Amino acid sequence: MKIPFASTLTTLFACGSLLCLAAPGASAAAPDKYQVTGSVTALTDTTITVLKGKESFEMNRDASLKVTGGELKIGAKVTVQYKITAVTAEVKADKTDTKAKTPKTQTTAPGTTTGSAPQQPGAPAAAPSQPAAR
């Protein structure tokens, strides 16, 4: 017996499976835009500051900013979409590399030896070391 719509269901299932396989690759890309919703606390010709909870977001703006739904002013509740763009990047030296390259030198005060434990207050003084035999 032939099931009606069997070929259509098979096609839909195959397409759905392909979409599921393609989705993880698409989500790995960085988001193009971000958004913040809050109250405008500062506004100039070049910046807008939005307060969300206790966190303040200051963003650059220019004449190309599209404002919809009302007047952009201090105190207005807004949702701002913005992008993040890297301007500079400085690579720092790896800390493990600098330790390996830097020789350790230890200076001691005259009459002391390296590696000796600190003397406890009230403890008897250590006997002076004997001069080496000649």
C-alpha atoms as a PDB file:
ATOM      1  CA  MET A   1       0.000   0.000   0.000  1.00  0.00           C
ATOM      2  CA  LYS A   2       1.381   3.423  -0.952  1.00  0.00           C
ATOM      3  CA  ILE A   3       1.250   6.159   1.688  1.00  0.00           C
ATOM      4  CA  PRO A   4       0.035   9.475   0.284  1.00  0.00           C
ATOM      5  CA  PHE A   5       2.454  12.379   0.705  1.00  0.00           C
ATOM      6  CA  ALA A   6       5.313   9.964   1.503  1.00  0.00           C
ATOM      7  CA  SER A   7       7.623  11.574  -1.018  1.00  0.00           C
ATOM      8  CA  THR A   8       6.676  15.051   0.226  1.00  0.00           C
ATOM      9  CA  LEU A   9       7.352  14.070   3.842  1.00  0.00           C
ATOM     10  CA  THR A  10      10.679  12.521   2.873  1.00  0.00           C
ATOM     11  CA  THR A  11      11.662  15.703   1.047  1.00  0.00           C
ATOM     12  CA  LEU A  12      10.650  17.887   4.000  1.00  0.00           C
ATOM     13  CA  PHE A  13      12.551  15.662   6.410  1.00  0.00           C
ATOM     14  CA  ALA A  14      15.680  15.806   4.243  1.00  0.00           C
ATOM     15  CA  CYS A  15      15.489  19.609   3.982  1.00  0.00           C
ATOM     16  CA  GLY A  16      14.967  19.939   7.740  1.00  0.00           C
ATOM     17  CA  SER A  17      17.963  17.711   8.401  1.00  0.00           C
ATOM     18  CA  LEU A  18      20.135  19.824   6.122  1.00  0.00           C
ATOM     19  CA  LEU A  19      19.043  22.996   7.895  1.00  0.00           C
ATOM     20  CA  CYS A  20      19.909  21.492  11.283  1.00  0.00           C
ATOM     21  CA  LEU A  21      23.351  20.538  10.035  1.00  0.00           C
ATOM     22  CA  ALA A  22      23.965  23.984   8.558  1.00  0.00           C
ATOM     23  CA  ALA A  23      22.777  25.908  11.635  1.00  0.00           C
ATOM     24  CA  PRO A  24      25.771  25.217  13.942  1.00  0.00           C
ATOM     25  CA  GLY A  25      28.178  26.615  11.358  1.00  0.00           C
ATOM     26  CA  ALA A  26      26.118  29.768  11.021  1.00  0.00           C
ATOM     27  CA  SER A  27      25.940  30.323  14.784  1.00  0.00           C
ATOM     28  CA  ALA A  28      29.724  30.082  15.164  1.00  0.00           C
ATOM     29  CA  ALA A  29      30.160  33.462  13.457  1.00  0.00           C
ATOM     30  CA  ALA A  30      30.368  36.538  15.679  1.00  0.00           C
ATOM     31  CA  PRO A  31      27.220  38.626  15.949  1.00  0.00           C
ATOM     32  CA  ASP A  32      27.027  41.588  13.609  1.00  0.00           C
ATOM     33  CA  LYS A  33      25.076  43.847  15.974  1.00  0.00           C
ATOM     34  CA  TYR A  34      24.415  44.149  19.690  1.00  0.00           C
ATOM     35  CA  GLN A  35      21.650  46.006  21.485  1.00  0.00           C
ATOM     36  CA  VAL A  36      21.041  47.657  24.823  1.00  0.00           C
ATOM     37  CA  THR A  37      17.758  48.913  26.257  1.00  0.00           C
ATOM     38  CA  GLY A  38      17.671  51.559  28.949  1.00  0.00           C
ATOM     39  CA  SER A  39      17.345  55.270  29.684  1.00  0.00           C
ATOM     40  CA  VAL A  40      19.366  57.962  27.925  1.00  0.00           C
ATOM     41  CA  THR A  41      21.538  59.676  30.550  1.00  0.00           C
ATOM     42  CA  ALA A  42      23.742  61.823  28.287  1.00  0.00           C
ATOM     43  CA  LEU A  43      23.442  63.000  24.701  1.00  0.00           C
ATOM     44  CA  THR A  44      25.773  65.022  22.483  1.00  0.00           C
ATOM     45  CA  ASP A  45      26.216  65.416  18.738  1.00  0.00           C
ATOM     46  CA  THR A  46      28.834  62.631  18.831  1.00  0.00           C
ATOM     47  CA  THR A  47      27.818  60.339  21.744  1.00  0.00           C
ATOM     48  CA  ILE A  48      24.834  58.722  23.421  1.00  0.00           C
ATOM     49  CA  THR A  49      24.947  57.199  26.903  1.00  0.00           C
ATOM     50  CA  VAL A  50      22.369  54.604  27.961  1.00  0.00           C
ATOM     51  CA  LEU A  51      21.931  53.384  31.548  1.00  0.00           C
ATOM     52  CA  LYS A  52      20.832  49.735  31.861  1.00  0.00           C
ATOM     53  CA  GLY A  53      20.454  48.806  35.506  1.00  0.00           C
ATOM     54  CA  LYS A  54      23.677  50.013  37.133  1.00  0.00           C
ATOM     55  CA  GLU A  55      25.754  49.704  33.942  1.00  0.00           C
ATOM     56  CA  SER A  56      26.308  52.663  31.643  1.00  0.00           C
ATOM     57  CA  PHE A  57      26.902  52.216  27.873  1.00  0.00           C
ATOM     58  CA  GLU A  58      28.528  55.118  26.033  1.00  0.00           C
ATOM     59  CA  MET A  59      28.506  54.886  22.237  1.00  0.00           C
ATOM     60  CA  ASN A  60      29.697  57.101  19.407  1.00  0.00           C
ATOM     61  CA  ARG A  61      27.081  58.417  17.013  1.00  0.00           C
ATOM     62  CA  ASP A  62      26.961  60.570  13.897  1.00  0.00           C
ATOM     63  CA  ALA A  63      24.410  62.122  11.553  1.00  0.00           C
ATOM     64  CA  SER A  64      23.659  58.721   9.986  1.00  0.00           C
ATOM     65  CA  LEU A  65      21.969  57.471  13.202  1.00  0.00           C
ATOM     66  CA  LYS A  66      18.354  56.513  12.426  1.00  0.00           C
ATOM     67  CA  VAL A  67      15.951  57.526  15.185  1.00  0.00           C
ATOM     68  CA  THR A  68      12.429  56.054  15.094  1.00  0.00           C
ATOM     69  CA  GLY A  69       9.410  56.237  17.392  1.00  0.00           C
ATOM     70  CA  GLY A  70       9.972  59.664  18.926  1.00  0.00           C
ATOM     71  CA  GLU A  71      12.521  62.236  19.979  1.00  0.00           C
ATOM     72  CA  LEU A  72      15.934  61.147  21.220  1.00  0.00           C
ATOM     73  CA  LYS A  73      16.468  63.066  24.477  1.00  0.00           C
ATOM     74  CA  ILE A  74      17.782  62.619  28.007  1.00  0.00           C
ATOM     75  CA  GLY A  75      15.413  60.456  30.063  1.00  0.00           C
ATOM     76  CA  ALA A  76      13.903  58.698  27.029  1.00  0.00           C
ATOM     77  CA  LYS A  77      13.697  54.895  27.158  1.00  0.00           C
ATOM     78  CA  VAL A  78      15.510  53.575  24.087  1.00  0.00           C
ATOM     79  CA  THR A  79      16.773  50.405  22.469  1.00  0.00           C
ATOM     80  CA  VAL A  80      20.063  51.090  20.712  1.00  0.00           C
ATOM     81  CA  GLN A  81      21.655  48.690  18.259  1.00  0.00           C
ATOM     82  CA  TYR A  82      25.417  49.034  17.965  1.00  0.00           C
ATOM     83  CA  LYS A  83      28.521  47.336  16.571  1.00  0.00           C
ATOM     84  CA  ILE A  84      31.878  46.661  18.171  1.00  0.00           C
ATOM     85  CA  THR A  85      34.967  47.232  16.041  1.00  0.00           C
ATOM     86  CA  ALA A  86      38.555  46.633  17.112  1.00  0.00           C
ATOM     87  CA  VAL A  87      40.800  49.655  16.577  1.00  0.00           C
ATOM     88  CA  THR A  88      44.190  48.418  17.844  1.00  0.00           C
ATOM     89  CA  ALA A  89      45.626  45.198  19.275  1.00  0.00           C
ATOM     90  CA  GLU A  90      48.870  44.890  21.241  1.00  0.00           C
ATOM     91  CA  VAL A  91      50.341  41.437  21.793  1.00  0.00           C
ATOM     92  CA  LYS A  92      51.947  41.026  25.206  1.00  0.00           C
ATOM     93  CA  ALA A  93      54.965  38.794  25.867  1.00  0.00           C
ATOM     94  CA  ASP A  94      54.146  35.435  27.389  1.00  0.00           C
ATOM     95  CA  LYS A  95      55.047  35.471  31.102  1.00  0.00           C
ATOM     96  CA  THR A  96      56.547  31.966  30.995  1.00  0.00           C
ATOM     97  CA  ASP A  97      58.962  33.013  28.234  1.00  0.00           C
ATOM     98  CA  THR A  98      60.236  36.065  30.145  1.00  0.00           C
ATOM     99  CA  LYS A  99      60.887  34.039  33.310  1.00  0.00           C
ATOM    100  CA  ALA A 100      62.935  31.475  31.416  1.00  0.00           C
ATOM    101  CA  LYS A 101      65.082  34.175  29.778  1.00  0.00           C
ATOM    102  CA  THR A 102      65.681  36.257  32.911  1.00  0.00           C
ATOM    103  CA  PRO A 103      68.512  34.862  35.091  1.00  0.00           C
ATOM    104  CA  LYS A 104      67.785  34.851  38.784  1.00  0.00           C
ATOM    105  CA  THR A 105      70.363  36.693  40.858  1.00  0.00           C
ATOM    106  CA  GLN A 106      70.256  36.791  44.601  1.00  0.00           C
ATOM    107  CA  THR A 107      72.132  39.326  46.642  1.00  0.00           C
ATOM    108  CA  THR A 108      72.825  38.719  50.287  1.00  0.00           C
ATOM    109  CA  ALA A 109      74.039  40.955  53.046  1.00  0.00           C
ATOM    110  CA  PRO A 110      77.627  40.451  54.250  1.00  0.00           C
ATOM    111  CA  GLY A 111      77.878  37.692  56.855  1.00  0.00           C
ATOM    112  CA  THR A 112      74.691  35.909  55.739  1.00  0.00           C
ATOM    113  CA  THR A 113      74.260  32.794  53.699  1.00  0.00           C
ATOM    114  CA  THR A 114      71.737  32.101  50.991  1.00  0.00           C
ATOM    115  CA  GLY A 115      68.959  29.649  51.717  1.00  0.00           C
ATOM    116  CA  SER A 116      69.065  30.133  55.487  1.00  0.00           C
ATOM    117  CA  ALA A 117      65.781  30.233  57.309  1.00  0.00           C
ATOM    118  CA  PRO A 118      64.835  33.441  59.096  1.00  0.00           C
ATOM    119  CA  GLN A 119      65.717  33.471  62.788  1.00  0.00           C
ATOM    120  CA  GLN A 120      62.815  33.374  65.218  1.00  0.00           C
ATOM    121  CA  PRO A 121      62.747  36.105  67.878  1.00  0.00           C
ATOM    122  CA  GLY A 122      64.105  34.786  71.165  1.00  0.00           C
ATOM    123  CA  ALA A 123      65.834  31.805  69.525  1.00  0.00           C
ATOM    124  CA  PRO A 124      69.554  31.330  70.170  1.00  0.00           C
ATOM    125  CA  ALA A 125      71.775  32.770  67.472  1.00  0.00           C
ATOM    126  CA  ALA A 126      73.329  30.299  65.064  1.00  0.00           C
ATOM    127  CA  ALA A 127      77.003  29.588  65.512  1.00  0.00           C
ATOM    128  CA  PRO A 128      79.208  31.430  63.052  1.00  0.00           C
ATOM    129  CA  SER A 129      80.470  29.278  60.225  1.00  0.00           C
ATOM    130  CA  GLN A 130      84.015  27.986  60.500  1.00  0.00           C
ATOM    131  CA  PRO A 131      86.560  29.342  58.029  1.00  0.00           C
ATOM    132  CA  ALA A 132      87.641  26.816  55.435  1.00  0.00           C
ATOM    133  CA  ALA A 133      90.880  24.972  56.164  1.00  0.00           C
ATOM    134  CA  ARG A 134      93.829  25.934  54.009  1.00  0.00           C
END
